[in-house]
Every structure is written in C-alpha cells, then in structure tokens.
Amino acid sequence: MSILLPTGQVTSPVTAPVTAPVGEYVTWLLRDTYIDPSLADGLVVPTIPDKPTSRLQKYRLTEKGRRLLEQLGKEGGLS
C-alpha cells in the first residue's frame, strides 16, 4: 500500500515489526483515512487497478490532485 504525502509524493508506509492485529488496524486506518477518500475524489488513481490489494500497489496523482496541491501550496495550506 502507498500513501499520498502533502508534498505530492506517493510512498509506502514504513512498517515496524508489529503484531498482525495492530498491523491490520494501521493498514485499515490509512486506507479509510487517506486512500479511499482520495480515490473517491479523483485525486489519485491506482497503478494496478485490477489488483487493489496487491502489495505492489501504488497511487499516482491525477491532474485534479496536482491542481489541488498547487492551490494548497499557494494558499499556505501545506506546511
């Protein structure tokens, strides 16, 4: 799984050795909080759309996502 950073970069989360339930919760939390809303809003698209749960899955910004990042940068919305 990959996450969208405020800088516009898409990266994989760093995972520490944790127990399976905690790891699953973190994955669920990232997906529910960041990835699913960004996909629904059309800000990102998966690089492997046919395999949404692939360990190799990454996301890239759409033009709409790039415009939003540019707008937030101009407004000082990104720190």
Protein backbone atom coordinates (compact mmCIF):
# COMPACT_ATOMS: atom_id res chain seq x y z
CA MET A 1 0.00 0.00 0.00
CA SER A 2 1.18 3.52 -0.68
CA ILE A 3 0.19 6.85 0.80
CA LEU A 4 -0.06 10.33 -0.64
CA LEU A 5 2.14 12.83 1.16
CA PRO A 6 1.33 16.56 1.34
CA THR A 7 4.29 17.18 -0.97
CA GLY A 8 2.54 15.21 -3.71
CA GLN A 9 4.85 12.23 -3.40
CA VAL A 10 3.36 8.79 -3.19
CA THR A 11 5.25 6.46 -0.91
CA SER A 12 4.96 3.23 1.04
CA PRO A 13 4.44 3.50 4.78
CA VAL A 14 7.31 2.39 6.95
CA THR A 15 6.13 -0.58 8.92
CA ALA A 16 7.74 -1.63 12.15
CA PRO A 17 7.52 -5.21 13.29
CA VAL A 18 4.14 -5.31 14.99
CA THR A 19 1.62 -7.95 15.76
CA ALA A 20 -0.81 -8.84 12.98
CA PRO A 21 -3.90 -7.22 14.54
CA VAL A 22 -2.10 -3.90 15.04
CA GLY A 23 -0.63 -4.04 11.53
CA GLU A 24 -4.04 -4.75 10.06
CA TYR A 25 -5.54 -1.85 12.01
CA VAL A 26 -2.87 0.58 10.75
CA THR A 27 -3.45 -0.59 7.17
CA TRP A 28 -7.21 -0.16 7.57
CA LEU A 29 -6.76 3.26 9.17
CA LEU A 30 -4.53 4.51 6.33
CA ARG A 31 -6.91 3.17 3.70
CA ASP A 32 -10.03 4.63 5.34
CA THR A 33 -8.47 7.97 6.26
CA TYR A 34 -6.37 8.82 3.21
CA ILE A 35 -6.50 6.44 0.29
CA ASP A 36 -10.24 5.77 -0.13
CA PRO A 37 -11.25 9.46 0.13
CA SER A 38 -8.51 10.46 -2.34
CA LEU A 39 -9.67 7.77 -4.77
CA ALA A 40 -13.33 8.79 -4.38
CA ASP A 41 -12.49 12.45 -5.02
CA GLY A 42 -10.46 11.55 -8.11
CA LEU A 43 -7.23 12.93 -6.65
CA VAL A 44 -5.26 9.70 -7.14
CA VAL A 45 -5.54 6.57 -9.26
CA PRO A 46 -4.06 3.14 -8.55
CA THR A 47 -1.18 1.95 -10.70
CA ILE A 48 -2.59 -1.60 -10.66
CA PRO A 49 -6.37 -1.08 -10.84
CA ASP A 50 -7.12 -4.78 -11.35
CA LYS A 51 -5.40 -5.73 -8.07
CA PRO A 52 -6.38 -3.17 -5.41
CA THR A 53 -4.87 -5.18 -2.54
CA SER A 54 -1.58 -6.02 -4.25
CA ARG A 55 1.50 -5.49 -2.09
CA LEU A 56 2.96 -3.68 -5.11
CA GLN A 57 0.04 -1.23 -5.34
CA LYS A 58 0.96 2.42 -5.64
CA TYR A 59 -1.02 5.54 -6.46
CA ARG A 60 -0.33 8.45 -8.74
CA LEU A 61 -1.76 11.93 -8.69
CA THR A 62 -4.35 12.86 -11.26
CA GLU A 63 -4.45 16.30 -12.85
CA LYS A 64 -7.15 17.23 -10.33
CA GLY A 65 -4.83 16.18 -7.50
CA ARG A 66 -1.96 18.24 -8.92
CA ARG A 67 -4.19 21.32 -9.18
CA LEU A 68 -5.33 20.87 -5.58
CA LEU A 69 -1.73 20.58 -4.35
CA GLU A 70 -0.77 23.68 -6.31
CA GLN A 71 -3.75 25.59 -4.88
CA LEU A 72 -2.97 24.49 -1.32
CA GLY A 73 0.66 25.49 -1.76
CA LYS A 74 -0.32 28.98 -2.92
CA GLU A 75 -2.74 29.40 -0.01
CA GLY A 76 -0.17 28.21 2.51
CA GLY A 77 -2.22 25.09 3.21
CA LEU A 78 0.86 22.88 3.10
CA SER A 79 3.48 23.10 5.79
